[in-house]
Amino acid sequence: MNKPDLCPACGSTNDCTLADPRTADRPCWCYSVSIDPAVLEALPAELRDQSCLCPHCARVDIQLRAKPRPIA
């Protein structure tokens, strides 16, 4: 069973604002980064487009550190 708040690659919390009803009206962190399509293609087909990867598995940690984070 897919859980939208967990990374499909590692099972950790993915920090997806859309998966949390309290923050679903805010854009997800993934909207502000470029995820290499090869990272997404490496997921098994049944896990794609089900939930966000976590920043680590999406390999965007450096991109996120370079951007100011909005105050929650």
N, C-alpha and C. Protein backbone atom coordinates (compact mmCIF):
# COMPACT_ATOMS: atom_id res chain seq x y z
N MET A 1 0.84 -1.19 0.00
CA MET A 1 0.00 0.00 0.00
C MET A 1 0.88 1.24 0.00
N ASN A 2 0.61 2.15 -0.88
CA ASN A 2 1.38 3.38 -1.01
C ASN A 2 0.98 4.39 0.06
N LYS A 3 1.98 5.01 0.67
CA LYS A 3 1.74 6.09 1.63
C LYS A 3 2.31 7.35 1.02
N PRO A 4 1.48 8.37 0.74
CA PRO A 4 1.96 9.56 0.05
C PRO A 4 2.98 10.38 0.80
N ASP A 5 3.13 10.17 2.11
CA ASP A 5 4.10 10.94 2.88
C ASP A 5 5.44 10.24 3.02
N LEU A 6 5.59 9.08 2.39
CA LEU A 6 6.84 8.33 2.46
C LEU A 6 7.49 8.20 1.09
N CYS A 7 8.81 8.24 1.09
CA CYS A 7 9.59 8.10 -0.14
C CYS A 7 9.44 6.67 -0.66
N PRO A 8 9.10 6.49 -1.94
CA PRO A 8 8.94 5.14 -2.48
C PRO A 8 10.27 4.40 -2.62
N ALA A 9 11.39 5.12 -2.59
CA ALA A 9 12.69 4.46 -2.75
C ALA A 9 13.26 3.95 -1.42
N CYS A 10 13.15 4.76 -0.35
CA CYS A 10 13.77 4.36 0.91
C CYS A 10 12.80 4.20 2.09
N GLY A 11 11.57 4.71 1.93
CA GLY A 11 10.58 4.58 2.99
C GLY A 11 10.63 5.67 4.04
N SER A 12 11.57 6.61 3.91
CA SER A 12 11.65 7.73 4.86
C SER A 12 10.59 8.78 4.55
N THR A 13 10.38 9.68 5.48
CA THR A 13 9.47 10.80 5.25
C THR A 13 9.98 11.60 4.06
N ASN A 14 9.07 11.98 3.16
CA ASN A 14 9.49 12.69 1.95
C ASN A 14 9.30 14.20 2.04
N ASP A 15 8.77 14.70 3.14
CA ASP A 15 8.56 16.14 3.33
C ASP A 15 7.63 16.75 2.28
N CYS A 16 6.74 15.96 1.71
CA CYS A 16 5.81 16.45 0.69
C CYS A 16 4.69 17.26 1.35
N THR A 17 4.59 18.53 0.99
CA THR A 17 3.55 19.37 1.57
C THR A 17 2.17 18.94 1.06
N LEU A 18 2.10 18.38 -0.12
CA LEU A 18 0.81 17.97 -0.68
C LEU A 18 0.24 16.73 0.03
N ALA A 19 1.10 15.95 0.66
CA ALA A 19 0.66 14.75 1.37
C ALA A 19 0.12 15.05 2.76
N ASP A 20 0.36 16.26 3.25
CA ASP A 20 -0.08 16.65 4.59
C ASP A 20 -1.27 17.60 4.46
N PRO A 21 -2.43 17.23 4.95
CA PRO A 21 -3.61 18.09 4.82
C PRO A 21 -3.41 19.50 5.39
N ARG A 22 -2.53 19.63 6.37
CA ARG A 22 -2.27 20.95 6.97
C ARG A 22 -1.50 21.88 6.05
N THR A 23 -0.77 21.31 5.09
CA THR A 23 0.05 22.14 4.20
C THR A 23 -0.25 21.89 2.72
N ALA A 24 -1.33 21.19 2.44
CA ALA A 24 -1.65 20.80 1.06
C ALA A 24 -1.89 21.98 0.13
N ASP A 25 -2.09 23.17 0.68
CA ASP A 25 -2.31 24.34 -0.16
C ASP A 25 -0.99 25.02 -0.56
N ARG A 26 0.13 24.47 -0.11
CA ARG A 26 1.45 25.03 -0.42
C ARG A 26 2.15 24.16 -1.47
N PRO A 27 3.00 24.77 -2.29
CA PRO A 27 3.74 23.95 -3.26
C PRO A 27 4.76 23.05 -2.56
N CYS A 28 4.96 21.90 -3.11
CA CYS A 28 5.94 20.95 -2.58
C CYS A 28 7.35 21.43 -2.89
N TRP A 29 8.30 21.01 -2.07
CA TRP A 29 9.71 21.36 -2.29
C TRP A 29 10.17 20.92 -3.67
N CYS A 30 9.59 19.84 -4.18
CA CYS A 30 10.06 19.29 -5.46
C CYS A 30 9.74 20.21 -6.64
N TYR A 31 8.84 21.17 -6.45
CA TYR A 31 8.52 22.12 -7.51
C TYR A 31 9.67 23.09 -7.78
N SER A 32 10.58 23.23 -6.82
CA SER A 32 11.65 24.22 -6.96
C SER A 32 13.01 23.62 -7.33
N VAL A 33 13.04 22.35 -7.68
CA VAL A 33 14.30 21.69 -8.03
C VAL A 33 14.16 20.95 -9.35
N SER A 34 15.29 20.55 -9.89
CA SER A 34 15.32 19.73 -11.10
C SER A 34 15.76 18.33 -10.72
N ILE A 35 14.86 17.38 -10.90
CA ILE A 35 15.17 15.97 -10.60
C ILE A 35 15.55 15.30 -11.90
N ASP A 36 16.70 14.64 -11.90
CA ASP A 36 17.18 13.93 -13.08
C ASP A 36 16.16 12.85 -13.45
N PRO A 37 15.67 12.83 -14.68
CA PRO A 37 14.71 11.81 -15.09
C PRO A 37 15.21 10.39 -14.87
N ALA A 38 16.52 10.18 -14.93
CA ALA A 38 17.07 8.84 -14.71
C ALA A 38 16.80 8.35 -13.29
N VAL A 39 16.74 9.28 -12.33
CA VAL A 39 16.44 8.91 -10.94
C VAL A 39 15.02 8.36 -10.87
N LEU A 40 14.09 9.02 -11.53
CA LEU A 40 12.70 8.57 -11.53
C LEU A 40 12.54 7.26 -12.30
N GLU A 41 13.24 7.13 -13.41
CA GLU A 41 13.16 5.91 -14.21
C GLU A 41 13.75 4.71 -13.50
N ALA A 42 14.63 4.94 -12.52
CA ALA A 42 15.23 3.84 -11.78
C ALA A 42 14.24 3.19 -10.81
N LEU A 43 13.16 3.90 -10.50
CA LEU A 43 12.13 3.32 -9.64
C LEU A 43 11.36 2.24 -10.40
N PRO A 44 10.93 1.19 -9.71
CA PRO A 44 10.05 0.23 -10.37
C PRO A 44 8.79 0.94 -10.86
N ALA A 45 8.27 0.54 -11.99
CA ALA A 45 7.12 1.20 -12.62
C ALA A 45 5.94 1.36 -11.67
N GLU A 46 5.69 0.38 -10.81
CA GLU A 46 4.53 0.44 -9.91
C GLU A 46 4.69 1.49 -8.81
N LEU A 47 5.91 1.99 -8.60
CA LEU A 47 6.15 3.00 -7.58
C LEU A 47 6.21 4.42 -8.14
N ARG A 48 6.26 4.55 -9.45
CA ARG A 48 6.34 5.88 -10.05
C ARG A 48 5.00 6.60 -9.97
N ASP A 49 5.07 7.92 -9.83
CA ASP A 49 3.88 8.77 -9.82
C ASP A 49 2.90 8.43 -8.70
N GLN A 50 3.41 7.88 -7.60
CA GLN A 50 2.57 7.53 -6.47
C GLN A 50 2.80 8.46 -5.29
N SER A 51 4.06 8.85 -5.08
CA SER A 51 4.42 9.77 -3.99
C SER A 51 5.78 10.37 -4.32
N CYS A 52 6.10 11.45 -3.61
CA CYS A 52 7.39 12.13 -3.83
C CYS A 52 8.53 11.30 -3.28
N LEU A 53 9.66 11.40 -3.95
CA LEU A 53 10.89 10.91 -3.38
C LEU A 53 11.30 11.86 -2.26
N CYS A 54 12.13 11.41 -1.35
CA CYS A 54 12.70 12.33 -0.36
C CYS A 54 13.82 13.10 -1.06
N PRO A 55 14.23 14.25 -0.52
CA PRO A 55 15.29 15.02 -1.17
C PRO A 55 16.58 14.22 -1.38
N HIS A 56 16.91 13.34 -0.45
CA HIS A 56 18.14 12.55 -0.59
C HIS A 56 18.03 11.59 -1.79
N CYS A 57 16.96 10.84 -1.87
CA CYS A 57 16.80 9.89 -2.98
C CYS A 57 16.61 10.60 -4.32
N ALA A 58 16.03 11.79 -4.28
CA ALA A 58 15.87 12.57 -5.51
C ALA A 58 17.19 13.21 -5.93
N ARG A 59 18.18 13.12 -5.05
CA ARG A 59 19.53 13.67 -5.29
C ARG A 59 19.49 15.18 -5.54
N VAL A 60 18.73 15.88 -4.71
CA VAL A 60 18.61 17.33 -4.85
C VAL A 60 18.99 18.07 -3.56
N ASP A 61 19.65 17.39 -2.65
CA ASP A 61 20.04 18.03 -1.38
C ASP A 61 20.80 19.34 -1.62
N ILE A 62 21.73 19.33 -2.54
CA ILE A 62 22.54 20.52 -2.81
C ILE A 62 21.67 21.65 -3.36
N GLN A 63 20.75 21.32 -4.25
CA GLN A 63 19.85 22.34 -4.79
C GLN A 63 19.01 22.97 -3.69
N LEU A 64 18.52 22.17 -2.77
CA LEU A 64 17.67 22.69 -1.70
C LEU A 64 18.46 23.54 -0.72
N ARG A 65 19.69 23.15 -0.44
CA ARG A 65 20.51 23.95 0.47
C ARG A 65 20.85 25.31 -0.12
N ALA A 66 20.90 25.40 -1.43
CA ALA A 66 21.24 26.66 -2.11
C ALA A 66 20.07 27.63 -2.16
N LYS A 67 18.85 27.14 -1.90
CA LYS A 67 17.65 28.00 -1.97
C LYS A 67 17.17 28.33 -0.57
N PRO A 68 16.71 29.56 -0.37
CA PRO A 68 16.11 29.88 0.93
C PRO A 68 14.81 29.11 1.11
N ARG A 69 14.60 28.54 2.28
CA ARG A 69 13.37 27.79 2.56
C ARG A 69 12.33 28.72 3.13
N PRO A 70 11.08 28.58 2.69
CA PRO A 70 10.02 29.43 3.25
C PRO A 70 9.78 29.09 4.71
N ILE A 71 9.35 30.06 5.47
CA ILE A 71 9.03 29.84 6.88
C ILE A 71 7.69 29.15 6.97
N ALA A 72 7.64 28.05 7.69
CA ALA A 72 6.41 27.25 7.79
C ALA A 72 5.44 27.83 8.77
